[in-house]
């Protein structure tokens, strides 16, 4: 791991903890390979240590990142694996809407809608917002799914979180309008089921398509872990 990144992760812990274990833990972080699940464990452990300081812990197994106590992932799995991904998705959608709103004002100040043909650098600017909007459900879902599988969390919570991500991403619709021509730009997000197709709302069908794609990495990782333990 990069030494600067390792130092930044160590700084997430409270000062008394850093004074006692910081140098040793930083060296172990530098020697480690990292990865999404590892970073998430470090952050959860740091949050736990700030909320519930542990006295007299041992660093015999620092990579467990549990410090002889249950982590946030174990204490409140419903928050980490169900509510957490949903909040992260909402934050990503907010950033995407801000990019759309700011790009509208910068590149299309006279247009009544940002959904028009664009040229030049505007393509890349608006493209960043689109990339965040469309890829966020998959990146967040896959990341939390693999993390949950590695942490051996009860399947109900990560599956519920992936279902919420699927439904939210399918129902989310970006709305952009001006009160009057040349007036202030308004960008918002609404949630709607859409027109029914064969008796089922179209966006609900969309969610049913997204969900298997999101849950697949979680299932693959669980199967691999089961086979490795039984071998």
C-alpha atoms as a PDB file:
ATOM      1  CA  UNK A   1       0.000   0.000   0.000  1.00  0.00           C
ATOM      2  CA  UNK A   2       1.130   3.538  -0.664  1.00  0.00           C
ATOM      3  CA  UNK A   3       2.747   5.042   2.504  1.00  0.00           C
ATOM      4  CA  UNK A   4       0.737   8.259   2.199  1.00  0.00           C
ATOM      5  CA  UNK A   5      -2.530   6.340   1.965  1.00  0.00           C
ATOM      6  CA  UNK A   6      -1.498   4.190   4.940  1.00  0.00           C
ATOM      7  CA  UNK A   7      -0.744   7.314   6.978  1.00  0.00           C
ATOM      8  CA  UNK A   8      -4.107   8.812   6.014  1.00  0.00           C
ATOM      9  CA  UNK A   9      -5.935   5.657   7.151  1.00  0.00           C
ATOM     10  CA  UNK A  10      -4.098   5.666  10.464  1.00  0.00           C
ATOM     11  CA  UNK A  11      -5.185   9.286  10.998  1.00  0.00           C
ATOM     12  CA  UNK A  12      -8.805   8.122  11.015  1.00  0.00           C
ATOM     13  CA  UNK A  13      -8.212   6.620  14.461  1.00  0.00           C
ATOM     14  CA  UNK A  14      -8.331   8.744  17.653  1.00  0.00           C
ATOM     15  CA  UNK A  15      -5.105  10.256  18.964  1.00  0.00           C
ATOM     16  CA  UNK A  16      -4.636   7.921  21.997  1.00  0.00           C
ATOM     17  CA  UNK A  17      -4.943   4.904  19.701  1.00  0.00           C
ATOM     18  CA  UNK A  18      -2.470   6.372  17.191  1.00  0.00           C
ATOM     19  CA  UNK A  19       0.058   7.155  19.897  1.00  0.00           C
ATOM     20  CA  UNK A  20      -0.018   3.557  21.102  1.00  0.00           C
ATOM     21  CA  UNK A  21      -0.418   1.570  17.890  1.00  0.00           C
ATOM     22  CA  UNK A  22      -0.013   4.050  15.010  1.00  0.00           C
ATOM     23  CA  UNK A  23       3.553   3.272  13.888  1.00  0.00           C
ATOM     24  CA  UNK A  24       3.105  -0.496  14.025  1.00  0.00           C
ATOM     25  CA  UNK A  25      -0.256  -0.386  12.297  1.00  0.00           C
ATOM     26  CA  UNK A  26       1.021   1.954   9.565  1.00  0.00           C
ATOM     27  CA  UNK A  27       3.878  -0.452   8.813  1.00  0.00           C
ATOM     28  CA  UNK A  28       1.419  -3.327   8.534  1.00  0.00           C
ATOM     29  CA  UNK A  29      -0.807  -1.302   6.204  1.00  0.00           C
ATOM     30  CA  UNK A  30       2.141  -0.509   3.933  1.00  0.00           C
ATOM     31  CA  UNK A  31       3.007  -4.205   3.775  1.00  0.00           C
ATOM     32  CA  UNK A  32      -0.598  -5.157   2.947  1.00  0.00           C
ATOM     33  CA  UNK A  33      -2.190  -5.425  -0.493  1.00  0.00           C
ATOM     34  CA  UNK A  34      -5.222  -3.260   0.227  1.00  0.00           C
ATOM     35  CA  UNK A  35      -8.460  -3.706  -1.680  1.00  0.00           C
ATOM     36  CA  UNK A  36     -12.018  -2.388  -1.283  1.00  0.00           C
ATOM     37  CA  UNK A  37     -12.962  -4.812   1.474  1.00  0.00           C
ATOM     38  CA  UNK A  38      -9.764  -4.087   3.370  1.00  0.00           C
ATOM     39  CA  UNK A  39     -10.261  -0.299   3.191  1.00  0.00           C
ATOM     40  CA  UNK A  40     -13.862  -0.675   4.316  1.00  0.00           C
ATOM     41  CA  UNK A  41     -12.743  -2.771   7.291  1.00  0.00           C
ATOM     42  CA  UNK A  42     -10.183  -0.153   8.280  1.00  0.00           C
ATOM     43  CA  UNK A  43     -12.750   2.654   8.089  1.00  0.00           C
ATOM     44  CA  UNK A  44     -15.338   0.645  10.052  1.00  0.00           C
ATOM     45  CA  UNK A  45     -12.742  -0.170  12.675  1.00  0.00           C
ATOM     46  CA  UNK A  46     -11.717   3.490  12.977  1.00  0.00           C
ATOM     47  CA  UNK A  47     -15.351   4.597  13.373  1.00  0.00           C
ATOM     48  CA  UNK A  48     -15.881   1.898  15.977  1.00  0.00           C
ATOM     49  CA  UNK A  49     -12.760   2.940  17.907  1.00  0.00           C
ATOM     50  CA  UNK A  50     -13.903   6.573  17.979  1.00  0.00           C
ATOM     51  CA  UNK A  51     -17.383   5.618  19.159  1.00  0.00           C
ATOM     52  CA  UNK A  52     -16.374   2.810  21.528  1.00  0.00           C
ATOM     53  CA  UNK A  53     -12.738   3.247  22.642  1.00  0.00           C
ATOM     54  CA  UNK A  54     -11.213  -0.023  23.754  1.00  0.00           C
ATOM     55  CA  UNK A  55      -8.745  -0.066  26.640  1.00  0.00           C
ATOM     56  CA  UNK A  56      -5.832  -2.443  26.820  1.00  0.00           C
ATOM     57  CA  UNK A  57      -6.251  -4.030  23.396  1.00  0.00           C
ATOM     58  CA  UNK A  58      -3.573  -6.229  21.847  1.00  0.00           C
ATOM     59  CA  UNK A  59      -2.133  -5.799  18.364  1.00  0.00           C
ATOM     60  CA  UNK A  60      -1.156  -9.463  18.034  1.00  0.00           C
ATOM     61  CA  UNK A  61      -3.553  -9.748  15.093  1.00  0.00           C
ATOM     62  CA  UNK A  62      -3.914  -6.191  13.751  1.00  0.00           C
ATOM     63  CA  UNK A  63      -5.153  -7.274  10.343  1.00  0.00           C
ATOM     64  CA  UNK A  64      -8.312  -8.666  11.895  1.00  0.00           C
ATOM     65  CA  UNK A  65      -9.163  -4.988  12.543  1.00  0.00           C
ATOM     66  CA  UNK A  66     -11.571  -5.989  15.277  1.00  0.00           C
ATOM     67  CA  UNK A  67      -9.441  -5.037  18.285  1.00  0.00           C
ATOM     68  CA  UNK A  68     -11.116  -7.673  20.480  1.00  0.00           C
ATOM     69  CA  UNK A  69     -14.512  -6.122  19.890  1.00  0.00           C
ATOM     70  CA  UNK A  70     -17.329  -6.451  17.411  1.00  0.00           C
ATOM     71  CA  UNK A  71     -17.011  -4.088  14.447  1.00  0.00           C
ATOM     72  CA  UNK A  72     -19.765  -1.893  13.092  1.00  0.00           C
ATOM     73  CA  UNK A  73     -20.360  -4.518  10.433  1.00  0.00           C
ATOM     74  CA  UNK A  74     -21.184  -7.044  13.133  1.00  0.00           C
ATOM     75  CA  UNK A  75     -23.048  -4.677  15.444  1.00  0.00           C
ATOM     76  CA  UNK A  76     -25.358  -3.053  12.908  1.00  0.00           C
ATOM     77  CA  UNK A  77     -25.230  -5.071   9.653  1.00  0.00           C
ATOM     78  CA  UNK A  78     -28.594  -3.601   8.602  1.00  0.00           C
ATOM     79  CA  UNK A  79     -27.023  -0.122   8.607  1.00  0.00           C
ATOM     80  CA  UNK A  80     -23.756  -1.076   6.905  1.00  0.00           C
ATOM     81  CA  UNK A  81     -25.111  -3.400   4.218  1.00  0.00           C
ATOM     82  CA  UNK A  82     -28.679  -2.163   3.663  1.00  0.00           C
ATOM     83  CA  UNK A  83     -28.857   1.508   4.610  1.00  0.00           C
ATOM     84  CA  UNK A  84     -25.193   2.262   3.850  1.00  0.00           C
ATOM     85  CA  UNK A  85     -25.266   1.382   0.131  1.00  0.00           C
ATOM     86  CA  UNK A  86     -28.532   3.283  -0.296  1.00  0.00           C
ATOM     87  CA  UNK A  87     -27.074   6.427   1.301  1.00  0.00           C
ATOM     88  CA  UNK A  88     -23.946   6.135  -0.822  1.00  0.00           C
ATOM     89  CA  UNK A  89     -26.072   5.783  -3.944  1.00  0.00           C
ATOM     90  CA  UNK A  90     -28.066   8.869  -2.959  1.00  0.00           C
ATOM     91  CA  UNK A  91     -24.857  10.849  -2.444  1.00  0.00           C
ATOM     92  CA  UNK A  92     -23.586   9.766  -5.865  1.00  0.00           C
ATOM     93  CA  UNK A  93     -26.864  10.775  -7.496  1.00  0.00           C
ATOM     94  CA  UNK A  94     -26.588  14.166  -5.796  1.00  0.00           C
ATOM     95  CA  UNK A  95     -23.119  14.670  -7.286  1.00  0.00           C
ATOM     96  CA  UNK A  96     -24.416  13.648 -10.722  1.00  0.00           C
ATOM     97  CA  UNK A  97     -27.273  16.160 -10.442  1.00  0.00           C
ATOM     98  CA  UNK A  98     -24.849  18.892  -9.375  1.00  0.00           C
ATOM     99  CA  UNK A  99     -22.709  18.169 -12.433  1.00  0.00           C
ATOM    100  CA  UNK A 100     -25.786  18.399 -14.662  1.00  0.00           C
ATOM    101  CA  UNK A 101     -26.949  21.628 -13.006  1.00  0.00           C
ATOM    102  CA  UNK A 102     -23.531  23.332 -13.120  1.00  0.00           C
ATOM    103  CA  UNK A 103     -22.836  22.172 -16.675  1.00  0.00           C
ATOM    104  CA  UNK A 104     -26.199  23.524 -17.768  1.00  0.00           C
ATOM    105  CA  UNK A 105     -25.295  26.952 -16.436  1.00  0.00           C
ATOM    106  CA  UNK A 106     -21.743  26.897 -17.835  1.00  0.00           C
ATOM    107  CA  UNK A 107     -22.214  25.410 -21.298  1.00  0.00           C
ATOM    108  CA  UNK A 108     -25.919  25.931 -22.063  1.00  0.00           C
ATOM    109  CA  UNK A 109     -26.977  29.155 -20.322  1.00  0.00           C
ATOM    110  CA  UNK A 110     -29.564  30.008 -22.982  1.00  0.00           C
ATOM    111  CA  UNK A 111     -31.051  26.543 -23.377  1.00  0.00           C
ATOM    112  CA  UNK A 112     -34.317  25.629 -21.682  1.00  0.00           C
ATOM    113  CA  UNK A 113     -33.091  22.053 -21.144  1.00  0.00           C
ATOM    114  CA  UNK A 114     -29.654  20.461 -20.696  1.00  0.00           C
ATOM    115  CA  UNK A 115     -30.725  17.421 -22.724  1.00  0.00           C
ATOM    116  CA  UNK A 116     -29.633  18.775 -26.097  1.00  0.00           C
ATOM    117  CA  UNK A 117     -26.782  18.078 -28.484  1.00  0.00           C
ATOM    118  CA  UNK A 118     -23.489  19.269 -27.016  1.00  0.00           C
ATOM    119  CA  UNK A 119     -19.967  19.718 -28.357  1.00  0.00           C
ATOM    120  CA  UNK A 120     -16.378  20.038 -27.222  1.00  0.00           C
ATOM    121  CA  UNK A 121     -15.445  19.888 -23.560  1.00  0.00           C
ATOM    122  CA  UNK A 122     -19.123  19.829 -22.576  1.00  0.00           C
ATOM    123  CA  UNK A 123     -19.265  16.233 -23.808  1.00  0.00           C
ATOM    124  CA  UNK A 124     -16.699  15.187 -21.216  1.00  0.00           C
ATOM    125  CA  UNK A 125     -18.232  17.306 -18.449  1.00  0.00           C
ATOM    126  CA  UNK A 126     -21.752  15.985 -18.879  1.00  0.00           C
ATOM    127  CA  UNK A 127     -20.322  12.538 -19.610  1.00  0.00           C
ATOM    128  CA  UNK A 128     -18.834  12.419 -16.119  1.00  0.00           C
ATOM    129  CA  UNK A 129     -22.282  13.002 -14.637  1.00  0.00           C
ATOM    130  CA  UNK A 130     -23.828  10.318 -16.833  1.00  0.00           C
ATOM    131  CA  UNK A 131     -21.071   7.880 -15.918  1.00  0.00           C
ATOM    132  CA  UNK A 132     -21.691   8.442 -12.210  1.00  0.00           C
ATOM    133  CA  UNK A 133     -25.448   8.155 -12.638  1.00  0.00           C
ATOM    134  CA  UNK A 134     -25.472   4.919 -14.618  1.00  0.00           C
ATOM    135  CA  UNK A 135     -22.491   3.120 -13.097  1.00  0.00           C
ATOM    136  CA  UNK A 136     -23.057   3.968  -9.419  1.00  0.00           C
ATOM    137  CA  UNK A 137     -25.676   1.247  -8.711  1.00  0.00           C
ATOM    138  CA  UNK A 138     -23.425  -1.467 -10.129  1.00  0.00           C
ATOM    139  CA  UNK A 139     -20.153  -0.300  -8.555  1.00  0.00           C
ATOM    140  CA  UNK A 140     -21.761   0.232  -5.153  1.00  0.00           C
ATOM    141  CA  UNK A 141     -23.757  -2.978  -5.296  1.00  0.00           C
ATOM    142  CA  UNK A 142     -20.798  -5.108  -6.398  1.00  0.00           C
ATOM    143  CA  UNK A 143     -18.474  -3.525  -3.859  1.00  0.00           C
ATOM    144  CA  UNK A 144     -20.776  -3.994  -0.880  1.00  0.00           C
ATOM    145  CA  UNK A 145     -21.777  -7.456  -2.080  1.00  0.00           C
ATOM    146  CA  UNK A 146     -18.196  -8.715  -2.187  1.00  0.00           C
ATOM    147  CA  UNK A 147     -17.451  -7.000   1.117  1.00  0.00           C
ATOM    148  CA  UNK A 148     -20.430  -8.707   2.744  1.00  0.00           C
ATOM    149  CA  UNK A 149     -19.421 -12.101   1.343  1.00  0.00           C
ATOM    150  CA  UNK A 150     -15.867 -11.715   2.634  1.00  0.00           C
ATOM    151  CA  UNK A 151     -17.123 -10.591   6.031  1.00  0.00           C
ATOM    152  CA  UNK A 152     -19.469 -13.617   6.192  1.00  0.00           C
ATOM    153  CA  UNK A 153     -22.455 -11.432   6.985  1.00  0.00           C
ATOM    154  CA  UNK A 154     -25.893 -13.040   7.134  1.00  0.00           C
ATOM    155  CA  UNK A 155     -27.274 -13.007   3.593  1.00  0.00           C
ATOM    156  CA  UNK A 156     -30.513 -11.192   4.487  1.00  0.00           C
ATOM    157  CA  UNK A 157     -28.897  -7.775   4.987  1.00  0.00           C
ATOM    158  CA  UNK A 158     -26.719  -7.528   1.860  1.00  0.00           C
ATOM    159  CA  UNK A 159     -29.497  -9.004  -0.288  1.00  0.00           C
ATOM    160  CA  UNK A 160     -31.922  -6.433   1.117  1.00  0.00           C
ATOM    161  CA  UNK A 161     -29.407  -3.683   0.366  1.00  0.00           C
ATOM    162  CA  UNK A 162     -28.929  -4.886  -3.209  1.00  0.00           C
ATOM    163  CA  UNK A 163     -32.691  -5.035  -3.666  1.00  0.00           C
ATOM    164  CA  UNK A 164     -33.010  -1.431  -2.443  1.00  0.00           C
ATOM    165  CA  UNK A 165     -30.266  -0.308  -4.828  1.00  0.00           C
ATOM    166  CA  UNK A 166     -31.982  -2.085  -7.733  1.00  0.00           C
ATOM    167  CA  UNK A 167     -35.356  -0.524  -6.969  1.00  0.00           C
ATOM    168  CA  UNK A 168     -33.938   2.959  -6.352  1.00  0.00           C
ATOM    169  CA  UNK A 169     -31.873   2.980  -9.535  1.00  0.00           C
ATOM    170  CA  UNK A 170     -34.847   1.769 -11.563  1.00  0.00           C
ATOM    171  CA  UNK A 171     -37.275   4.345 -10.151  1.00  0.00           C
ATOM    172  CA  UNK A 172     -34.923   7.352 -10.140  1.00  0.00           C
ATOM    173  CA  UNK A 173     -35.640   9.906 -12.865  1.00  0.00           C
ATOM    174  CA  UNK A 174     -33.794  13.189 -13.332  1.00  0.00           C
ATOM    175  CA  UNK A 175     -35.965  16.230 -14.042  1.00  0.00           C
ATOM    176  CA  UNK A 176     -34.559  19.502 -15.383  1.00  0.00           C
ATOM    177  CA  UNK A 177     -36.526  22.676 -16.103  1.00  0.00           C
ATOM    178  CA  UNK A 178     -36.485  26.471 -16.027  1.00  0.00           C
ATOM    179  CA  UNK A 179     -39.261  28.458 -14.400  1.00  0.00           C
ATOM    180  CA  UNK A 180     -39.180  30.922 -17.274  1.00  0.00           C
ATOM    181  CA  UNK A 181     -37.057  31.092 -20.428  1.00  0.00           C
ATOM    182  CA  UNK A 182     -33.621  32.339 -19.404  1.00  0.00           C
ATOM    183  CA  UNK A 183     -34.491  31.934 -15.721  1.00  0.00           C
ATOM    184  CA  UNK A 184     -32.856  29.839 -13.065  1.00  0.00           C
ATOM    185  CA  UNK A 185     -32.104  26.186 -13.781  1.00  0.00           C
ATOM    186  CA  UNK A 186     -33.761  23.558 -11.605  1.00  0.00           C
ATOM    187  CA  UNK A 187     -32.524  19.979 -11.480  1.00  0.00           C
ATOM    188  CA  UNK A 188     -34.280  17.436  -9.285  1.00  0.00           C
ATOM    189  CA  UNK A 189     -34.810  13.715  -8.971  1.00  0.00           C
ATOM    190  CA  UNK A 190     -38.160  11.980  -8.836  1.00  0.00           C
ATOM    191  CA  UNK A 191     -39.113   8.358  -8.253  1.00  0.00           C
ATOM    192  CA  UNK A 192     -41.872   6.819 -10.371  1.00  0.00           C
ATOM    193  CA  UNK A 193     -42.911   3.355 -11.492  1.00  0.00           C
ATOM    194  CA  UNK A 194     -43.509   4.357 -15.101  1.00  0.00           C
ATOM    195  CA  UNK A 195     -46.126   3.061 -17.510  1.00  0.00           C
ATOM    196  CA  UNK A 196     -47.299  -0.530 -17.040  1.00  0.00           C
ATOM    197  CA  UNK A 197     -46.121  -3.162 -19.489  1.00  0.00           C
ATOM    198  CA  UNK A 198     -48.117  -6.415 -19.470  1.00  0.00           C
ATOM    199  CA  UNK A 199     -49.663  -5.360 -16.180  1.00  0.00           C
ATOM    200  CA  UNK A 200     -46.292  -4.657 -14.470  1.00  0.00           C
ATOM    201  CA  UNK A 201     -44.784  -1.139 -14.169  1.00  0.00           C
ATOM    202  CA  UNK A 202     -41.880  -0.822 -16.600  1.00  0.00           C
ATOM    203  CA  UNK A 203     -39.462   0.461 -13.979  1.00  0.00           C
ATOM    204  CA  UNK A 204     -40.246  -2.471 -11.717  1.00  0.00           C
ATOM    205  CA  UNK A 205     -39.272  -4.784 -14.571  1.00  0.00           C
ATOM    206  CA  UNK A 206     -36.090  -2.749 -14.875  1.00  0.00           C
ATOM    207  CA  UNK A 207     -35.375  -3.342 -11.179  1.00  0.00           C
ATOM    208  CA  UNK A 208     -35.940  -7.085 -11.601  1.00  0.00           C
ATOM    209  CA  UNK A 209     -33.343  -7.087 -14.378  1.00  0.00           C
ATOM    210  CA  UNK A 210     -30.784  -5.081 -12.374  1.00  0.00           C
ATOM    211  CA  UNK A 211     -31.067  -7.144  -9.194  1.00  0.00           C
ATOM    212  CA  UNK A 212     -29.576 -10.428 -10.542  1.00  0.00           C
ATOM    213  CA  UNK A 213     -26.671  -8.476 -12.036  1.00  0.00           C
ATOM    214  CA  UNK A 214     -25.949  -6.834  -8.669  1.00  0.00           C
ATOM    215  CA  UNK A 215     -26.267  -9.999  -6.611  1.00  0.00           C
ATOM    216  CA  UNK A 216     -24.147 -12.188  -8.928  1.00  0.00           C
ATOM    217  CA  UNK A 217     -20.693 -11.184  -7.529  1.00  0.00           C
ATOM    218  CA  UNK A 218     -21.984 -11.752  -3.991  1.00  0.00           C
ATOM    219  CA  UNK A 219     -23.200 -15.244  -4.874  1.00  0.00           C
ATOM    220  CA  UNK A 220     -19.991 -16.122  -6.727  1.00  0.00           C
ATOM    221  CA  UNK A 221     -17.864 -15.033  -3.776  1.00  0.00           C
ATOM    222  CA  UNK A 222     -20.003 -16.985  -1.321  1.00  0.00           C
ATOM    223  CA  UNK A 223     -19.739 -20.126  -3.464  1.00  0.00           C
ATOM    224  CA  UNK A 224     -15.978 -19.726  -3.800  1.00  0.00           C
ATOM    225  CA  UNK A 225     -15.595 -19.288  -0.054  1.00  0.00           C
ATOM    226  CA  UNK A 226     -17.769 -22.325   0.639  1.00  0.00           C
ATOM    227  CA  UNK A 227     -15.705 -24.462  -1.728  1.00  0.00           C
ATOM    228  CA  UNK A 228     -12.426 -23.232  -0.242  1.00  0.00           C
ATOM    229  CA  UNK A 229     -13.601 -24.081   3.282  1.00  0.00           C
ATOM    230  CA  UNK A 230     -14.824 -27.532   2.272  1.00  0.00           C
ATOM    231  CA  UNK A 231     -11.685 -28.382   0.309  1.00  0.00           C
END
